[in-house]
C-alpha atoms as a PDB file:
ATOM      1  CA  MET A   1     -86.166  40.309  61.883  1.00  0.00           C
ATOM      2  CA  SER A   2     -86.500  43.811  60.383  1.00  0.00           C
ATOM      3  CA  LYS A   3     -84.810  44.697  57.137  1.00  0.00           C
ATOM      4  CA  VAL A   4     -81.653  46.773  56.930  1.00  0.00           C
ATOM      5  CA  SER A   5     -82.340  50.003  55.031  1.00  0.00           C
ATOM      6  CA  VAL A   6     -79.644  51.729  52.935  1.00  0.00           C
ATOM      7  CA  LEU A   7     -79.765  55.104  51.177  1.00  0.00           C
ATOM      8  CA  VAL A   8     -77.540  55.531  48.084  1.00  0.00           C
ATOM      9  CA  VAL A   9     -76.821  59.145  47.109  1.00  0.00           C
ATOM     10  CA  ASP A  10     -75.070  60.025  43.832  1.00  0.00           C
ATOM     11  CA  ASP A  11     -75.863  62.313  40.895  1.00  0.00           C
ATOM     12  CA  ALA A  12     -74.628  59.645  38.434  1.00  0.00           C
ATOM     13  CA  PRO A  13     -77.339  57.025  37.639  1.00  0.00           C
ATOM     14  CA  PHE A  14     -74.675  54.467  36.642  1.00  0.00           C
ATOM     15  CA  ILE A  15     -73.026  54.624  40.069  1.00  0.00           C
ATOM     16  CA  ARG A  16     -76.351  54.438  41.931  1.00  0.00           C
ATOM     17  CA  ASP A  17     -77.404  51.404  39.903  1.00  0.00           C
ATOM     18  CA  LEU A  18     -74.015  49.747  40.369  1.00  0.00           C
ATOM     19  CA  VAL A  19     -74.064  50.161  44.163  1.00  0.00           C
ATOM     20  CA  LYS A  20     -77.673  49.007  44.498  1.00  0.00           C
ATOM     21  CA  LYS A  21     -77.063  46.011  42.250  1.00  0.00           C
ATOM     22  CA  GLY A  22     -74.045  44.920  44.290  1.00  0.00           C
ATOM     23  CA  LEU A  23     -75.952  45.183  47.581  1.00  0.00           C
ATOM     24  CA  ARG A  24     -79.071  43.509  46.226  1.00  0.00           C
ATOM     25  CA  ASN A  25     -77.086  40.565  44.827  1.00  0.00           C
ATOM     26  CA  ALA A  26     -75.279  40.030  48.124  1.00  0.00           C
ATOM     27  CA  PHE A  27     -78.235  40.739  50.429  1.00  0.00           C
ATOM     28  CA  PRO A  28     -81.573  40.179  48.637  1.00  0.00           C
ATOM     29  CA  GLY A  29     -83.575  41.328  51.666  1.00  0.00           C
ATOM     30  CA  VAL A  30     -81.894  44.735  51.999  1.00  0.00           C
ATOM     31  CA  ALA A  31     -84.195  47.749  51.574  1.00  0.00           C
ATOM     32  CA  LEU A  32     -82.719  50.296  49.146  1.00  0.00           C
ATOM     33  CA  GLU A  33     -83.573  53.906  48.354  1.00  0.00           C
ATOM     34  CA  ASP A  34     -81.618  56.386  46.265  1.00  0.00           C
ATOM     35  CA  ALA A  35     -81.312  60.137  45.762  1.00  0.00           C
ATOM     36  CA  VAL A  36     -79.732  62.227  42.991  1.00  0.00           C
ATOM     37  CA  ASN A  37     -78.141  64.781  45.325  1.00  0.00           C
ATOM     38  CA  GLY A  38     -77.777  65.827  48.943  1.00  0.00           C
ATOM     39  CA  ARG A  39     -80.948  67.937  48.919  1.00  0.00           C
ATOM     40  CA  LYS A  40     -83.130  65.006  47.828  1.00  0.00           C
ATOM     41  CA  ALA A  41     -81.390  62.758  50.361  1.00  0.00           C
ATOM     42  CA  GLN A  42     -82.069  65.306  53.107  1.00  0.00           C
ATOM     43  CA  ILE A  43     -85.800  65.100  52.375  1.00  0.00           C
ATOM     44  CA  LEU A  44     -85.761  61.278  52.523  1.00  0.00           C
ATOM     45  CA  LEU A  45     -83.750  61.258  55.757  1.00  0.00           C
ATOM     46  CA  SER A  46     -86.279  63.615  57.333  1.00  0.00           C
ATOM     47  CA  LYS A  47     -89.142  61.225  56.527  1.00  0.00           C
ATOM     48  CA  GLU A  48     -87.668  57.722  56.760  1.00  0.00           C
ATOM     49  CA  VAL A  49     -85.263  55.767  58.973  1.00  0.00           C
ATOM     50  CA  PHE A  50     -82.062  54.448  57.357  1.00  0.00           C
ATOM     51  CA  ASP A  51     -79.376  52.222  58.831  1.00  0.00           C
ATOM     52  CA  LEU A  52     -76.635  53.403  56.438  1.00  0.00           C
ATOM     53  CA  VAL A  53     -75.946  56.149  53.891  1.00  0.00           C
ATOM     54  CA  LEU A  54     -73.561  55.650  50.955  1.00  0.00           C
ATOM     55  CA  CYS A  55     -72.952  59.105  49.536  1.00  0.00           C
ATOM     56  CA  ASP A  56     -70.991  60.789  46.737  1.00  0.00           C
ATOM     57  CA  TRP A  57     -69.042  63.952  47.569  1.00  0.00           C
ATOM     58  CA  GLU A  58     -69.461  66.186  44.507  1.00  0.00           C
ATOM     59  CA  MET A  59     -73.122  66.731  43.636  1.00  0.00           C
ATOM     60  CA  PRO A  60     -75.278  69.677  42.515  1.00  0.00           C
ATOM     61  CA  GLU A  61     -77.546  71.551  44.984  1.00  0.00           C
ATOM     62  CA  MET A  62     -76.010  69.935  48.084  1.00  0.00           C
ATOM     63  CA  SER A  63     -72.674  68.131  48.291  1.00  0.00           C
ATOM     64  CA  GLY A  64     -71.981  64.960  50.243  1.00  0.00           C
ATOM     65  CA  LEU A  65     -69.991  66.928  52.807  1.00  0.00           C
ATOM     66  CA  GLU A  66     -72.883  69.331  53.344  1.00  0.00           C
ATOM     67  CA  LEU A  67     -75.291  66.425  53.760  1.00  0.00           C
ATOM     68  CA  LEU A  68     -72.946  64.750  56.244  1.00  0.00           C
ATOM     69  CA  THR A  69     -72.648  67.974  58.257  1.00  0.00           C
ATOM     70  CA  TRP A  70     -76.448  68.323  58.370  1.00  0.00           C
ATOM     71  CA  CYS A  71     -76.881  64.681  59.446  1.00  0.00           C
ATOM     72  CA  ARG A  72     -74.532  65.053  62.382  1.00  0.00           C
ATOM     73  CA  GLN A  73     -76.511  68.079  63.530  1.00  0.00           C
ATOM     74  CA  GLN A  74     -79.690  65.979  63.802  1.00  0.00           C
ATOM     75  CA  GLU A  75     -80.078  64.110  67.072  1.00  0.00           C
ATOM     76  CA  SER A  76     -81.623  61.074  65.363  1.00  0.00           C
ATOM     77  CA  LEU A  77     -78.850  60.832  62.738  1.00  0.00           C
ATOM     78  CA  LYS A  78     -75.728  61.446  64.817  1.00  0.00           C
ATOM     79  CA  GLY A  79     -74.913  57.738  65.142  1.00  0.00           C
ATOM     80  CA  MET A  80     -76.024  56.601  61.683  1.00  0.00           C
ATOM     81  CA  PRO A  81     -73.152  55.139  59.602  1.00  0.00           C
ATOM     82  CA  PHE A  82     -72.293  57.515  56.743  1.00  0.00           C
ATOM     83  CA  ILE A  83     -69.820  56.287  54.111  1.00  0.00           C
ATOM     84  CA  MET A  84     -68.422  58.727  51.555  1.00  0.00           C
ATOM     85  CA  VAL A  85     -68.067  57.154  48.094  1.00  0.00           C
ATOM     86  CA  THR A  86     -65.746  59.535  46.319  1.00  0.00           C
ATOM     87  CA  SER A  87     -62.739  60.150  44.112  1.00  0.00           C
ATOM     88  CA  ARG A  88     -61.594  62.855  46.540  1.00  0.00           C
ATOM     89  CA  GLY A  89     -58.734  61.153  48.328  1.00  0.00           C
ATOM     90  CA  ASP A  90     -56.635  64.239  49.061  1.00  0.00           C
ATOM     91  CA  LYS A  91     -55.452  64.650  52.644  1.00  0.00           C
ATOM     92  CA  GLU A  92     -57.301  67.927  53.189  1.00  0.00           C
ATOM     93  CA  ASN A  93     -60.573  66.414  51.929  1.00  0.00           C
ATOM     94  CA  VAL A  94     -60.186  63.367  54.175  1.00  0.00           C
ATOM     95  CA  ILE A  95     -59.571  65.630  57.176  1.00  0.00           C
ATOM     96  CA  GLN A  96     -62.655  67.685  56.310  1.00  0.00           C
ATOM     97  CA  ALA A  97     -64.859  64.611  56.166  1.00  0.00           C
ATOM     98  CA  ILE A  98     -63.441  63.151  59.395  1.00  0.00           C
ATOM     99  CA  GLN A  99     -64.051  66.420  61.210  1.00  0.00           C
ATOM    100  CA  ALA A 100     -67.627  66.406  59.905  1.00  0.00           C
ATOM    101  CA  GLY A 101     -68.178  62.903  61.309  1.00  0.00           C
ATOM    102  CA  VAL A 102     -67.791  60.526  58.362  1.00  0.00           C
ATOM    103  CA  SER A 103     -67.786  56.810  59.238  1.00  0.00           C
ATOM    104  CA  ASP A 104     -65.628  55.543  56.368  1.00  0.00           C
ATOM    105  CA  PHE A 105     -64.542  56.087  52.759  1.00  0.00           C
ATOM    106  CA  ILE A 106     -64.881  54.093  49.534  1.00  0.00           C
ATOM    107  CA  GLY A 107     -62.600  55.437  46.822  1.00  0.00           C
ATOM    108  CA  LYS A 108     -63.735  55.619  43.209  1.00  0.00           C
ATOM    109  CA  PRO A 109     -63.216  53.455  41.273  1.00  0.00           C
ATOM    110  CA  PHE A 110     -64.097  50.569  43.590  1.00  0.00           C
ATOM    111  CA  THR A 111     -64.651  46.841  43.279  1.00  0.00           C
ATOM    112  CA  ASN A 112     -67.771  45.096  44.507  1.00  0.00           C
ATOM    113  CA  GLU A 113     -65.674  43.321  47.160  1.00  0.00           C
ATOM    114  CA  GLN A 114     -64.497  46.683  48.516  1.00  0.00           C
ATOM    115  CA  LEU A 115     -68.064  47.971  48.637  1.00  0.00           C
ATOM    116  CA  LEU A 116     -69.397  44.939  50.529  1.00  0.00           C
ATOM    117  CA  THR A 117     -66.476  44.943  52.981  1.00  0.00           C
ATOM    118  CA  LYS A 118     -67.045  48.590  53.910  1.00  0.00           C
ATOM    119  CA  VAL A 119     -70.804  48.129  54.247  1.00  0.00           C
ATOM    120  CA  LYS A 120     -70.443  45.106  56.538  1.00  0.00           C
ATOM    121  CA  LYS A 121     -67.818  46.890  58.641  1.00  0.00           C
ATOM    122  CA  ALA A 122     -70.015  49.972  59.111  1.00  0.00           C
ATOM    123  CA  LEU A 123     -73.120  47.956  60.021  1.00  0.00           C
ATOM    124  CA  HIS A 124     -71.152  45.733  62.410  1.00  0.00           C
ATOM    125  CA  LYS A 125     -70.243  48.816  64.465  1.00  0.00           C
ATOM    126  CA  VAL A 126     -73.922  49.635  65.037  1.00  0.00           C
ATOM    127  CA  GLY A 127     -75.085  46.065  65.598  1.00  0.00           C
ATOM    128  CA  LYS A 128     -76.901  45.709  62.279  1.00  0.00           C
ATOM    129  CA  LEU A 129     -74.600  43.216  60.551  1.00  0.00           C
ATOM    130  CA  GLU A 130     -76.468  40.131  61.787  1.00  0.00           C
ATOM    131  CA  ALA A 131     -79.723  41.458  60.328  1.00  0.00           C
ATOM    132  CA  LEU A 132     -77.967  42.167  57.024  1.00  0.00           C
ATOM    133  CA  MET A 133     -76.235  38.775  56.834  1.00  0.00           C
ATOM    134  CA  SER A 134     -79.499  36.953  57.477  1.00  0.00           C
ATOM    135  CA  THR A 135     -80.570  38.086  53.990  1.00  0.00           C
ATOM    136  CA  ALA A 136     -77.411  36.845  52.265  1.00  0.00           C
ATOM    137  CA  PRO A 137     -77.547  33.763  50.000  1.00  0.00           C
ATOM    138  CA  ALA A 138     -75.233  30.808  50.634  1.00  0.00           C
ATOM    139  CA  ARG A 139     -72.852  32.006  47.930  1.00  0.00           C
ATOM    140  CA  VAL A 140     -72.450  35.617  46.962  1.00  0.00           C
ATOM    141  CA  ASN A 141     -71.611  36.395  43.350  1.00  0.00           C
ATOM    142  CA  SER A 142     -69.405  39.405  43.919  1.00  0.00           C
ATOM    143  CA  ALA A 143     -67.773  39.705  40.516  1.00  0.00           C
ATOM    144  CA  PHE A 144     -67.587  43.404  39.787  1.00  0.00           C
ATOM    145  CA  GLY A 145     -67.932  42.924  36.051  1.00  0.00           C
ATOM    146  CA  ASN A 146     -71.167  40.952  36.416  1.00  0.00           C
ATOM    147  CA  ASP A 147     -72.640  43.615  38.691  1.00  0.00           C
ATOM    148  CA  SER A 148     -71.785  46.494  36.360  1.00  0.00           C
ATOM    149  CA  LEU A 149     -73.070  44.546  33.370  1.00  0.00           C
ATOM    150  CA  GLY A 150     -76.338  43.814  35.121  1.00  0.00           C
ATOM    151  CA  ALA A 151     -76.695  47.455  36.129  1.00  0.00           C
ATOM    152  CA  LEU A 152     -76.504  48.527  32.499  1.00  0.00           C
ATOM    153  CA  THR A 153     -78.638  45.780  30.956  1.00  0.00           C
ATOM    154  CA  GLY A 154     -81.310  45.336  33.619  1.00  0.00           C
ATOM    155  CA  ASN A 155     -80.288  41.655  33.781  1.00  0.00           C
ATOM    156  CA  ARG A 156     -82.065  40.880  30.503  1.00  0.00           C
ATOM    157  CA  PRO A 157     -80.462  37.617  29.266  1.00  0.00           C
ATOM    158  CA  GLU A 158     -80.507  38.565  25.591  1.00  0.00           C
ATOM    159  CA  VAL A 159     -78.757  41.878  26.306  1.00  0.00           C
ATOM    160  CA  VAL A 160     -76.213  40.253  28.628  1.00  0.00           C
ATOM    161  CA  ALA A 161     -75.360  37.660  25.963  1.00  0.00           C
ATOM    162  CA  ALA A 162     -75.009  40.286  23.248  1.00  0.00           C
ATOM    163  CA  THR A 163     -72.832  42.489  25.455  1.00  0.00           C
ATOM    164  CA  ALA A 164     -70.629  39.535  26.376  1.00  0.00           C
ATOM    165  CA  ASN A 165     -70.035  38.831  22.674  1.00  0.00           C
ATOM    166  CA  VAL A 166     -69.101  42.459  22.068  1.00  0.00           C
ATOM    167  CA  THR A 167     -66.760  42.371  25.052  1.00  0.00           C
ATOM    168  CA  SER A 168     -64.921  39.253  23.850  1.00  0.00           C
ATOM    169  CA  SER A 169     -64.530  40.586  20.310  1.00  0.00           C
ATOM    170  CA  ALA A 170     -63.408  44.036  21.416  1.00  0.00           C
ATOM    171  CA  GLN A 171     -60.738  42.818  23.835  1.00  0.00           C
ATOM    172  CA  PRO A 172     -57.197  42.577  22.455  1.00  0.00           C
ATOM    173  CA  ALA A 173     -55.234  39.313  22.846  1.00  0.00           C
ATOM    174  CA  THR A 174     -54.753  38.528  26.530  1.00  0.00           C
ATOM    175  CA  LYS A 175     -51.314  36.929  26.359  1.00  0.00           C
ATOM    176  CA  PRO A 176     -48.835  38.704  28.634  1.00  0.00           C
ATOM    177  CA  ALA A 177     -47.137  41.488  26.742  1.00  0.00           C
ATOM    178  CA  ALA A 178     -43.384  41.838  26.752  1.00  0.00           C
ATOM    179  CA  GLN A 179     -41.962  44.746  28.692  1.00  0.00           C
ATOM    180  CA  PRO A 180     -42.218  47.827  26.461  1.00  0.00           C
ATOM    181  CA  ALA A 181     -39.003  49.310  25.176  1.00  0.00           C
ATOM    182  CA  ALA A 182     -37.775  52.327  27.066  1.00  0.00           C
ATOM    183  CA  SER A 183     -39.316  55.104  25.012  1.00  0.00           C
ATOM    184  CA  LYS A 184     -40.116  58.686  25.786  1.00  0.00           C
ATOM    185  CA  GLU A 185     -43.354  58.945  27.719  1.00  0.00           C
ATOM    186  CA  PRO A 186     -46.094  61.152  26.264  1.00  0.00           C
ATOM    187  CA  THR A 187     -45.771  64.767  27.297  1.00  0.00           C
ATOM    188  CA  GLY A 188     -47.826  67.869  26.798  1.00  0.00           C
ATOM    189  CA  ARG A 189     -51.185  69.234  27.833  1.00  0.00           C
ATOM    190  CA  GLY A 190     -53.166  66.299  26.469  1.00  0.00           C
ATOM    191  CA  GLN A 191     -52.330  63.969  29.346  1.00  0.00           C
ATOM    192  CA  GLY A 192     -54.329  62.591  32.240  1.00  0.00           C
ATOM    193  CA  GLN A 193     -54.415  59.820  34.809  1.00  0.00           C
ATOM    194  CA  LEU A 194     -56.910  56.964  34.633  1.00  0.00           C
ATOM    195  CA  ARG A 195     -57.728  55.237  37.917  1.00  0.00           C
ATOM    196  CA  LEU A 196     -59.126  51.733  37.419  1.00  0.00           C
ATOM    197  CA  PRO A 197     -60.088  49.045  39.976  1.00  0.00           C
ATOM    198  CA  ASN A 198     -56.817  47.190  39.266  1.00  0.00           C
ATOM    199  CA  GLY A 199     -54.489  50.194  39.329  1.00  0.00           C
ATOM    200  CA  THR A 200     -53.632  53.606  37.922  1.00  0.00           C
ATOM    201  CA  GLN A 201     -52.359  54.338  34.424  1.00  0.00           C
ATOM    202  CA  GLN A 202     -51.136  57.469  32.713  1.00  0.00           C
ATOM    203  CA  CYS A 203     -53.091  58.217  29.568  1.00  0.00           C
ATOM    204  CA  VAL A 204     -53.139  60.560  26.601  1.00  0.00           C
ATOM    205  CA  ILE A 205     -56.340  62.385  25.653  1.00  0.00           C
ATOM    206  CA  LYS A 206     -56.922  61.714  21.961  1.00  0.00           C
ATOM    207  CA  ALA A 207     -60.353  63.365  21.778  1.00  0.00           C
ATOM    208  CA  LEU A 208     -62.768  64.913  24.250  1.00  0.00           C
ATOM    209  CA  THR A 209     -66.492  65.730  24.255  1.00  0.00           C
ATOM    210  CA  LEU A 210     -69.034  66.458  26.991  1.00  0.00           C
ATOM    211  CA  LYS A 211     -70.094  62.786  26.916  1.00  0.00           C
ATOM    212  CA  GLU A 212     -66.854  60.841  26.555  1.00  0.00           C
ATOM    213  CA  ALA A 213     -63.090  60.848  26.115  1.00  0.00           C
ATOM    214  CA  SER A 214     -60.944  58.814  23.743  1.00  0.00           C
ATOM    215  CA  LEU A 215     -57.815  57.753  25.636  1.00  0.00           C
ATOM    216  CA  LEU A 216     -54.545  56.025  24.802  1.00  0.00           C
ATOM    217  CA  VAL A 217     -52.879  53.876  27.490  1.00  0.00           C
ATOM    218  CA  ARG A 218     -49.885  51.560  27.454  1.00  0.00           C
ATOM    219  CA  ARG A 219     -50.764  47.891  27.368  1.00  0.00           C
ATOM    220  CA  THR A 220     -49.839  45.995  30.541  1.00  0.00           C
ATOM    221  CA  GLU A 221     -50.301  42.404  31.715  1.00  0.00           C
ATOM    222  CA  SER A 222     -53.444  43.480  33.587  1.00  0.00           C
ATOM    223  CA  LEU A 223     -55.817  44.535  30.824  1.00  0.00           C
ATOM    224  CA  PRO A 224     -58.689  46.968  31.498  1.00  0.00           C
ATOM    225  CA  GLN A 225     -62.179  45.534  31.061  1.00  0.00           C
ATOM    226  CA  ILE A 226     -65.272  46.876  29.344  1.00  0.00           C
ATOM    227  CA  LEU A 227     -67.731  48.318  31.917  1.00  0.00           C
ATOM    228  CA  ASP A 228     -64.987  48.839  34.519  1.00  0.00           C
ATOM    229  CA  SER A 229     -65.812  51.930  36.572  1.00  0.00           C
ATOM    230  CA  ALA A 230     -62.973  54.450  36.539  1.00  0.00           C
ATOM    231  CA  VAL A 231     -61.944  57.995  37.418  1.00  0.00           C
ATOM    232  CA  LEU A 232     -60.194  60.227  34.902  1.00  0.00           C
ATOM    233  CA  ASP A 233     -58.010  62.912  36.499  1.00  0.00           C
ATOM    234  CA  LEU A 234     -57.359  65.832  34.162  1.00  0.00           C
ATOM    235  CA  GLU A 235     -54.893  68.588  34.924  1.00  0.00           C
ATOM    236  CA  GLN A 236     -54.990  71.279  32.284  1.00  0.00           C
ATOM    237  CA  GLY A 237     -54.229  74.934  31.660  1.00  0.00           C
ATOM    238  CA  GLU A 238     -51.865  77.480  33.123  1.00  0.00           C
ATOM    239  CA  ASN A 239     -53.501  77.269  36.561  1.00  0.00           C
ATOM    240  CA  ALA A 240     -53.106  73.469  36.640  1.00  0.00           C
ATOM    241  CA  GLU A 241     -56.821  72.984  37.202  1.00  0.00           C
ATOM    242  CA  VAL A 242     -57.754  69.430  38.140  1.00  0.00           C
ATOM    243  CA  ALA A 243     -61.046  67.700  37.400  1.00  0.00           C
ATOM    244  CA  ARG A 244     -61.921  64.209  38.621  1.00  0.00           C
ATOM    245  CA  LEU A 245     -64.393  62.763  36.147  1.00  0.00           C
ATOM    246  CA  ASN A 246     -66.282  59.591  37.053  1.00  0.00           C
ATOM    247  CA  GLY A 247     -67.266  57.126  34.358  1.00  0.00           C
ATOM    248  CA  TYR A 248     -66.831  53.667  32.876  1.00  0.00           C
ATOM    249  CA  LEU A 249     -64.998  52.015  29.974  1.00  0.00           C
ATOM    250  CA  HIS A 250     -67.408  51.764  27.074  1.00  0.00           C
ATOM    251  CA  ALA A 251     -65.031  50.282  24.469  1.00  0.00           C
ATOM    252  CA  ILE A 252     -61.459  48.966  24.208  1.00  0.00           C
ATOM    253  CA  ALA A 253     -59.430  48.360  21.045  1.00  0.00           C
ATOM    254  CA  ALA A 254     -55.809  47.876  19.976  1.00  0.00           C
ATOM    255  CA  PHE A 255     -54.462  51.219  18.773  1.00  0.00           C
ATOM    256  CA  GLU A 256     -52.026  49.619  16.344  1.00  0.00           C
ATOM    257  CA  GLN A 257     -53.180  47.102  13.741  1.00  0.00           C
ATOM    258  CA  LYS A 258     -51.409  44.121  15.285  1.00  0.00           C
ATOM    259  CA  PRO A 259     -52.304  41.654  18.077  1.00  0.00           C
ATOM    260  CA  ASP A 260     -49.370  42.676  20.274  1.00  0.00           C
ATOM    261  CA  SER A 261     -50.115  46.413  20.083  1.00  0.00           C
ATOM    262  CA  ASP A 262     -48.203  48.328  22.755  1.00  0.00           C
ATOM    263  CA  TRP A 263     -51.064  50.839  23.049  1.00  0.00           C
ATOM    264  CA  LEU A 264     -54.781  50.492  23.732  1.00  0.00           C
ATOM    265  CA  GLN A 265     -57.455  52.975  22.740  1.00  0.00           C
ATOM    266  CA  LEU A 266     -60.218  53.333  25.342  1.00  0.00           C
ATOM    267  CA  THR A 267     -63.584  55.038  25.100  1.00  0.00           C
ATOM    268  CA  PHE A 268     -64.337  56.463  28.537  1.00  0.00           C
ATOM    269  CA  ARG A 269     -67.974  57.507  29.071  1.00  0.00           C
ATOM    270  CA  PHE A 270     -68.675  60.158  31.716  1.00  0.00           C
ATOM    271  CA  VAL A 271     -71.423  59.636  34.298  1.00  0.00           C
ATOM    272  CA  ASP A 272     -71.071  62.900  36.244  1.00  0.00           C
ATOM    273  CA  GLN A 273     -73.920  65.412  36.110  1.00  0.00           C
ATOM    274  CA  ASP A 274     -72.066  67.991  38.188  1.00  0.00           C
ATOM    275  CA  THR A 275     -72.410  71.440  36.576  1.00  0.00           C
ATOM    276  CA  GLN A 276     -68.922  72.549  37.617  1.00  0.00           C
ATOM    277  CA  LYS A 277     -67.345  69.521  35.934  1.00  0.00           C
ATOM    278  CA  LEU A 278     -69.395  70.030  32.778  1.00  0.00           C
ATOM    279  CA  ASP A 279     -68.356  73.678  32.714  1.00  0.00           C
ATOM    280  CA  TYR A 280     -64.715  72.636  33.120  1.00  0.00           C
ATOM    281  CA  LEU A 281     -65.042  70.190  30.203  1.00  0.00           C
ATOM    282  CA  SER A 282     -66.659  72.875  28.069  1.00  0.00           C
ATOM    283  CA  ARG A 283     -63.746  75.228  28.687  1.00  0.00           C
ATOM    284  CA  LEU A 284     -61.230  72.494  27.891  1.00  0.00           C
ATOM    285  CA  ILE A 285     -62.956  71.675  24.616  1.00  0.00           C
ATOM    286  CA  ALA A 286     -63.324  75.352  23.704  1.00  0.00           C
ATOM    287  CA  ARG A 287     -59.634  76.105  24.001  1.00  0.00           C
ATOM    288  CA  GLY A 288     -58.582  72.747  22.517  1.00  0.00           C
ATOM    289  CA  THR A 289     -55.953  71.974  25.160  1.00  0.00           C
ATOM    290  CA  ALA A 290     -57.025  68.368  25.509  1.00  0.00           C
ATOM    291  CA  LEU A 291     -57.025  67.640  21.792  1.00  0.00           C
ATOM    292  CA  LYS A 292     -53.312  67.795  21.165  1.00  0.00           C
ATOM    293  CA  HIS A 293     -52.348  65.160  18.606  1.00  0.00           C
ATOM    294  CA  PHE A 294     -50.030  62.440  19.863  1.00  0.00           C
ATOM    295  CA  VAL A 295     -48.497  59.501  18.023  1.00  0.00           C
ATOM    296  CA  PRO A 296     -47.232  56.706  20.395  1.00  0.00           C
ATOM    297  CA  GLY A 297     -43.586  55.885  19.962  1.00  0.00           C
ATOM    298  CA  ALA A 298     -42.843  59.102  18.119  1.00  0.00           C
END
């Protein structure tokens, strides 16, 4: 039986590796190719046959929407499943993609279970699921954390072990925290929204560079995890500009020097290579709007 071939398109290497790792773990026989933007994907699609495309929306040179529009104009690609993997969940964006012929959406951040469910659903519609499932092992290790860890370490045992030790030492105590006292929520221009696989949290921007952001979030019973993929929504300036920055949690620590700290300090590493987002970050840093000092509980 022929292999199922999947094309992964994203300008962020971390996301491409994460998606490919999840698919390869679940379906060892799947054939995988990747592209850094829509233009590169267009070249591959013109030369090779793919059963499914998993594509980011915001990319340099050619966006995911532009690639989707081009695909649906090609006779050979009109029926090919095309899943948009994106942080753009606004109604107008969804309508745009549906009108262009998108098959489905996967919202960033996503879990490995969500990814596999969408892939199987899309391939079932075109009669390719049986071929895909024939490559699956008896038990699928679908833990999102393991997949993201493997994507970063190349599955080298010594690196995995070292990273696991760092993770356990960096995590604050995991006992359920008491409900925080009703205090004034952080206000001002240094705020954002962090979307994690297990939910959304408001955050305060403590520091910002072109590579990463230092964030403060309230501690909840569901603690964030190192290497979780996430999306940081920033709304800044007089024009209320919004940027959706894709990345992952590089480090987590208690903000206060006590085991039951009400606040966590997160280091959020960016993975986007989009020039418009980098320009937006540069402007934010230049005018200092995201660096407003904030002391929790004050």
